[in-house]
Amino acid sequence: MLGTDADIERKAVSLGLNYSEKDKVDAKLRAEIRLDDSAATEDDITSFLIAGAIGYKAKPSWRVVADFNAVLSQDGGANFRDGDYVKASIGAAYRPVENDRFNALFKYTYLYDLPATDQVTETSNRNGPRQRSHVLSADGIWQVNNYVQLGAKYGMRFGEVEVSPDGIAPARGSGVWQRSDAQLGILRADIHLLRNWDALLEGRALWSSSAQTINWGAVVAGYRQIGDNMKLGVGYNFGRFSDDLLDQTFDDQGVFLNVVGKF
């Protein structure tokens, strides 16, 4: 958000690299520097961006994936419009070549999300929780037969959020960091009903070890197969939380629309 109506001169330099080794490695890297120069000093902003991802096929049944994203902004005036965002993850996907009825994903994610005043957070909320978190998760899904799939997820979050005594998001860097540790458990069933229709039933439990509270939730949804590579679904989340431990807003209850693609 700009402080004045002054004109801004913007200069940017970016560099991108891609590397691919057939059926083995895929990697990409992008870096950018952007300079916003204005007659009003408070509108001078210098931003740095770096993003990268790599996928490595370690074995026929195992694939390692990792990504890194960082955006750092420095305000030329008061630092209340500085912004820091760093997110990195690494995971291992298991999919047996000879029998893929069971698939699994193990993942670690680090997030440092400290947006400027009035900027959106990792979960697209204005003035939402500013956080620094570590998340470990494990997902598995088992194809019982042609009609039923059973899945489970367990995740742990070790982190902190910046809060103020009155419960309102404080000015950046002026609040107190408090623990926000939590554990998430999910059981789900995907049921093939008719030729092009599927149903999803899911139960969730979120345990906050910091607040010593537990929240229960359930999700139901119906999906319509469109072609060979896409499903369109609509459902309802009866709980207030999502299946993403980085989302700490508790505003997810209600109807949702979901599009699933496969390639």
Protein backbone atom coordinates (compact mmCIF):
# COMPACT_ATOMS: atom_id res chain seq x y z
CA MET A 1 0.00 0.00 0.00
CA LEU A 2 1.45 3.38 -0.98
CA GLY A 3 1.54 6.28 1.37
CA THR A 4 0.99 9.10 -1.17
CA ASP A 5 -0.18 9.75 -4.75
CA ALA A 6 3.35 10.52 -5.97
CA ASP A 7 4.53 8.94 -9.23
CA ILE A 8 6.78 5.92 -8.87
CA GLU A 9 9.64 4.89 -11.14
CA ARG A 10 10.16 1.15 -11.03
CA LYS A 11 13.26 -0.74 -12.16
CA ALA A 12 13.56 -4.52 -12.02
CA VAL A 13 16.17 -7.10 -12.96
CA SER A 14 15.39 -10.82 -13.01
CA LEU A 15 17.24 -14.03 -13.84
CA GLY A 16 15.83 -17.50 -14.39
CA LEU A 17 17.52 -20.87 -14.78
CA ASN A 18 16.13 -24.33 -15.58
CA TYR A 19 17.85 -27.72 -15.55
CA SER A 20 16.43 -31.09 -16.53
CA GLU A 21 17.86 -34.58 -16.72
CA LYS A 22 15.36 -36.97 -18.28
CA ASP A 23 13.51 -39.15 -15.74
CA LYS A 24 15.96 -38.11 -13.00
CA VAL A 25 16.19 -34.41 -12.10
CA ASP A 26 14.10 -31.30 -12.70
CA ALA A 27 15.27 -28.02 -11.21
CA LYS A 28 14.50 -24.31 -11.61
CA LEU A 29 15.68 -21.08 -10.02
CA ARG A 30 14.49 -17.49 -10.33
CA ALA A 31 15.85 -14.32 -8.73
CA GLU A 32 14.66 -10.73 -9.01
CA ILE A 33 15.48 -7.30 -7.61
CA ARG A 34 12.91 -4.50 -7.85
CA LEU A 35 13.51 -0.84 -7.01
CA ASP A 36 10.58 1.56 -6.54
CA ASP A 37 11.75 5.20 -6.53
CA SER A 38 9.37 8.04 -5.68
CA ALA A 39 9.48 11.74 -4.86
CA ALA A 40 7.90 10.70 -1.58
CA THR A 41 10.54 8.87 0.44
CA GLU A 42 7.96 6.73 2.24
CA ASP A 43 7.05 5.17 -1.13
CA ASP A 44 10.63 4.01 -1.88
CA ILE A 45 10.68 0.22 -1.63
CA THR A 46 13.43 -2.25 -2.45
CA SER A 47 12.31 -5.84 -2.91
CA PHE A 48 14.29 -9.05 -3.32
CA LEU A 49 12.74 -12.27 -4.62
CA ILE A 50 14.23 -15.74 -4.94
CA ALA A 51 12.36 -18.93 -5.77
CA GLY A 52 13.59 -22.40 -6.56
CA ALA A 53 12.39 -25.98 -6.80
CA ILE A 54 13.93 -29.37 -7.47
CA GLY A 55 12.58 -32.85 -8.01
CA TYR A 56 14.89 -35.88 -7.86
CA LYS A 57 13.95 -39.47 -8.62
CA ALA A 58 16.07 -41.32 -6.07
CA LYS A 59 14.65 -44.77 -6.85
CA PRO A 60 11.84 -46.06 -9.07
CA SER A 61 9.44 -45.91 -6.12
CA TRP A 62 10.82 -42.82 -4.37
CA ARG A 63 10.97 -39.18 -5.41
CA VAL A 64 12.42 -36.28 -3.40
CA VAL A 65 10.99 -32.80 -3.91
CA ALA A 66 12.07 -29.48 -2.42
CA ASP A 67 11.22 -25.82 -2.95
CA PHE A 68 12.21 -22.44 -1.56
CA ASN A 69 10.52 -19.03 -1.81
CA ALA A 70 11.61 -15.76 -0.23
CA VAL A 71 10.43 -12.17 -0.64
CA LEU A 72 12.10 -9.42 1.37
CA SER A 73 10.95 -5.79 1.10
CA GLN A 74 12.59 -2.74 2.66
CA ASP A 75 10.71 0.54 3.00
CA GLY A 76 12.63 3.73 2.32
CA GLY A 77 10.75 5.53 5.10
CA ALA A 78 9.31 4.02 8.27
CA ASN A 79 9.90 0.31 8.62
CA PHE A 80 6.22 -0.50 9.32
CA ARG A 81 5.89 -1.31 5.60
CA ASP A 82 8.85 -3.70 5.52
CA GLY A 83 7.87 -7.25 4.66
CA ASP A 84 9.59 -10.61 5.17
CA TYR A 85 8.37 -13.90 3.76
CA VAL A 86 10.37 -17.14 3.66
CA LYS A 87 8.90 -20.56 2.95
CA ALA A 88 10.87 -23.74 2.31
CA SER A 89 9.91 -27.39 2.19
CA ILE A 90 11.38 -30.79 1.46
CA GLY A 91 9.49 -34.02 1.04
CA ALA A 92 9.70 -37.62 -0.07
CA ALA A 93 6.95 -39.28 -2.11
CA TYR A 94 6.53 -43.05 -2.14
CA ARG A 95 4.70 -44.71 -5.03
CA PRO A 96 5.58 -48.34 -5.73
CA VAL A 97 6.08 -49.04 -9.41
CA GLU A 98 4.85 -52.64 -9.37
CA ASN A 99 1.87 -52.07 -7.06
CA ASP A 100 0.70 -48.49 -6.54
CA ARG A 101 -2.32 -49.32 -4.36
CA PHE A 102 -0.56 -47.54 -1.47
CA ASN A 103 1.01 -44.08 -1.82
CA ALA A 104 2.59 -41.86 0.81
CA LEU A 105 4.10 -38.40 1.22
CA PHE A 106 6.40 -37.24 4.03
CA LYS A 107 7.06 -33.50 4.23
CA TYR A 108 8.80 -30.82 6.30
CA THR A 109 7.90 -27.13 5.85
CA TYR A 110 9.39 -23.99 7.37
CA LEU A 111 7.52 -20.68 7.25
CA TYR A 112 8.57 -17.20 8.37
CA ASP A 113 5.70 -14.85 7.49
CA LEU A 114 5.99 -11.28 8.75
CA PRO A 115 4.07 -9.04 6.32
CA ALA A 116 3.89 -5.28 6.51
CA THR A 117 0.82 -3.48 7.84
CA ASP A 118 -2.22 -4.08 5.56
CA GLN A 119 -0.43 -6.74 3.50
CA VAL A 120 -1.88 -10.23 3.31
CA THR A 121 -0.37 -13.21 5.09
CA GLU A 122 0.51 -16.72 3.84
CA THR A 123 -3.19 -17.63 3.98
CA SER A 124 -4.39 -14.47 2.14
CA ASN A 125 -5.73 -12.76 5.27
CA ARG A 126 -5.15 -9.06 5.85
CA ASN A 127 -3.56 -8.48 9.26
CA GLY A 128 -3.80 -12.19 10.02
CA PRO A 129 -1.39 -14.12 12.27
CA ARG A 130 2.28 -13.34 11.76
CA GLN A 131 4.13 -16.54 12.35
CA ARG A 132 7.32 -18.55 12.26
CA SER A 133 6.54 -22.25 12.12
CA HIS A 134 7.99 -25.71 11.49
CA VAL A 135 5.54 -28.35 10.21
CA LEU A 136 6.11 -32.10 9.86
CA SER A 137 3.45 -34.19 8.13
CA ALA A 138 2.80 -37.66 6.77
CA ASP A 139 0.02 -38.57 4.30
CA GLY A 140 -0.98 -42.01 3.11
CA ILE A 141 -3.71 -43.38 0.87
CA TRP A 142 -4.68 -47.00 0.21
CA GLN A 143 -6.72 -48.23 -2.74
CA VAL A 144 -8.95 -50.88 -1.14
CA ASN A 145 -10.72 -51.78 -4.38
CA ASN A 146 -12.17 -50.08 -7.45
CA TYR A 147 -14.74 -48.27 -5.33
CA VAL A 148 -13.07 -47.26 -2.06
CA GLN A 149 -9.88 -45.41 -1.10
CA LEU A 150 -8.90 -44.89 2.55
CA GLY A 151 -6.53 -42.15 3.60
CA ALA A 152 -4.92 -40.70 6.72
CA LYS A 153 -2.83 -37.67 7.60
CA TYR A 154 -0.91 -36.69 10.72
CA GLY A 155 0.89 -33.40 11.17
CA MET A 156 2.73 -31.49 13.89
CA ARG A 157 3.40 -27.75 14.07
CA PHE A 158 6.10 -26.23 16.25
CA GLY A 159 5.97 -22.46 16.05
CA GLU A 160 5.11 -19.02 17.34
CA VAL A 161 2.69 -16.23 16.43
CA GLU A 162 3.02 -12.51 17.08
CA VAL A 163 0.08 -11.27 19.17
CA SER A 164 -0.99 -8.22 21.14
CA PRO A 165 -2.82 -8.16 24.51
CA ASP A 166 -6.09 -6.92 22.95
CA GLY A 167 -6.18 -9.75 20.40
CA ILE A 168 -5.74 -7.47 17.39
CA ALA A 169 -2.76 -8.03 15.08
CA PRO A 170 -0.09 -5.62 16.35
CA ALA A 171 2.06 -3.33 14.27
CA ARG A 172 4.83 -5.35 12.67
CA GLY A 173 7.50 -6.28 15.21
CA SER A 174 5.71 -4.63 18.16
CA GLY A 175 3.86 -7.65 19.50
CA VAL A 176 4.80 -10.57 21.72
CA TRP A 177 5.73 -13.97 20.30
CA GLN A 178 3.71 -16.81 21.81
CA ARG A 179 3.87 -20.57 21.23
CA SER A 180 1.40 -21.98 18.67
CA ASP A 181 2.20 -25.72 18.73
CA ALA A 182 -0.49 -28.02 17.37
CA GLN A 183 -1.17 -31.53 16.08
CA LEU A 184 -3.59 -32.49 13.30
CA GLY A 185 -5.13 -35.88 12.57
CA ILE A 186 -7.34 -36.73 9.57
CA LEU A 187 -9.13 -39.88 8.43
CA ARG A 188 -10.84 -39.90 5.03
CA ALA A 189 -12.69 -42.14 2.61
CA ASP A 190 -13.11 -41.58 -1.12
CA ILE A 191 -16.03 -43.55 -2.53
CA HIS A 192 -16.77 -44.12 -6.20
CA LEU A 193 -20.57 -43.97 -6.50
CA LEU A 194 -21.48 -43.99 -10.17
CA ARG A 195 -19.64 -43.83 -13.46
CA ASN A 196 -18.63 -40.15 -13.15
CA TRP A 197 -19.48 -39.38 -9.51
CA ASP A 198 -17.42 -39.70 -6.33
CA ALA A 199 -17.97 -38.80 -2.68
CA LEU A 200 -15.57 -37.68 0.04
CA LEU A 201 -16.07 -38.23 3.78
CA GLU A 202 -13.47 -36.85 6.18
CA GLY A 203 -13.06 -36.52 9.94
CA ARG A 204 -10.57 -34.11 11.51
CA ALA A 205 -9.16 -33.33 14.93
CA LEU A 206 -6.87 -30.39 15.77
CA TRP A 207 -5.12 -30.46 19.14
CA SER A 208 -3.49 -27.24 20.33
CA SER A 209 -0.86 -28.23 22.87
CA SER A 210 -0.15 -24.55 23.61
CA ALA A 211 -3.76 -23.72 24.52
CA GLN A 212 -4.64 -27.26 25.71
CA THR A 213 -7.74 -27.33 23.49
CA ILE A 214 -9.09 -29.69 20.85
CA ASN A 215 -11.27 -28.84 17.84
CA TRP A 216 -13.27 -31.41 15.88
CA GLY A 217 -14.29 -31.13 12.26
CA ALA A 218 -15.81 -33.03 9.36
CA VAL A 219 -15.89 -32.53 5.60
CA VAL A 220 -18.30 -33.95 3.05
CA ALA A 221 -18.06 -33.40 -0.70
CA GLY A 222 -19.28 -34.71 -4.03
CA TYR A 223 -17.15 -34.77 -7.20
CA ARG A 224 -17.99 -35.02 -10.88
CA GLN A 225 -15.39 -36.48 -13.26
CA ILE A 226 -14.84 -34.25 -16.29
CA GLY A 227 -12.82 -35.96 -18.97
CA ASP A 228 -9.82 -38.10 -18.05
CA ASN A 229 -7.79 -35.50 -16.14
CA MET A 230 -10.11 -33.32 -14.05
CA LYS A 231 -12.68 -33.55 -11.27
CA LEU A 232 -14.96 -30.73 -10.12
CA GLY A 233 -16.33 -30.90 -6.60
CA VAL A 234 -18.45 -29.00 -4.10
CA GLY A 235 -18.56 -29.68 -0.38
CA TYR A 236 -19.03 -28.36 3.13
CA ASN A 237 -16.51 -27.99 5.96
CA PHE A 238 -18.28 -28.38 9.32
CA GLY A 239 -15.13 -27.43 11.24
CA ARG A 240 -13.57 -23.99 11.61
CA PHE A 241 -10.06 -25.08 10.63
CA SER A 242 -8.43 -26.34 7.43
CA ASP A 243 -6.13 -29.29 6.74
CA ASP A 244 -3.15 -26.90 6.48
CA LEU A 245 -1.31 -26.40 9.78
CA LEU A 246 0.12 -23.11 8.48
CA ASP A 247 -3.43 -21.72 8.42
CA GLN A 248 -4.16 -20.42 11.94
CA THR A 249 -7.22 -18.26 11.17
CA PHE A 250 -10.12 -20.61 12.14
CA ASP A 251 -12.38 -19.18 9.44
CA ASP A 252 -12.74 -22.15 7.09
CA GLN A 253 -16.24 -23.32 7.97
CA GLY A 254 -18.69 -23.34 5.07
CA VAL A 255 -19.18 -24.32 1.44
CA PHE A 256 -16.17 -24.78 -0.84
CA LEU A 257 -15.50 -25.48 -4.49
CA ASN A 258 -12.56 -27.70 -5.44
CA VAL A 259 -10.98 -28.57 -8.79
CA VAL A 260 -8.65 -31.59 -8.97
CA GLY A 261 -6.39 -32.18 -11.96
CA LYS A 262 -4.07 -35.07 -12.77
CA PHE A 263 -1.46 -35.49 -15.48
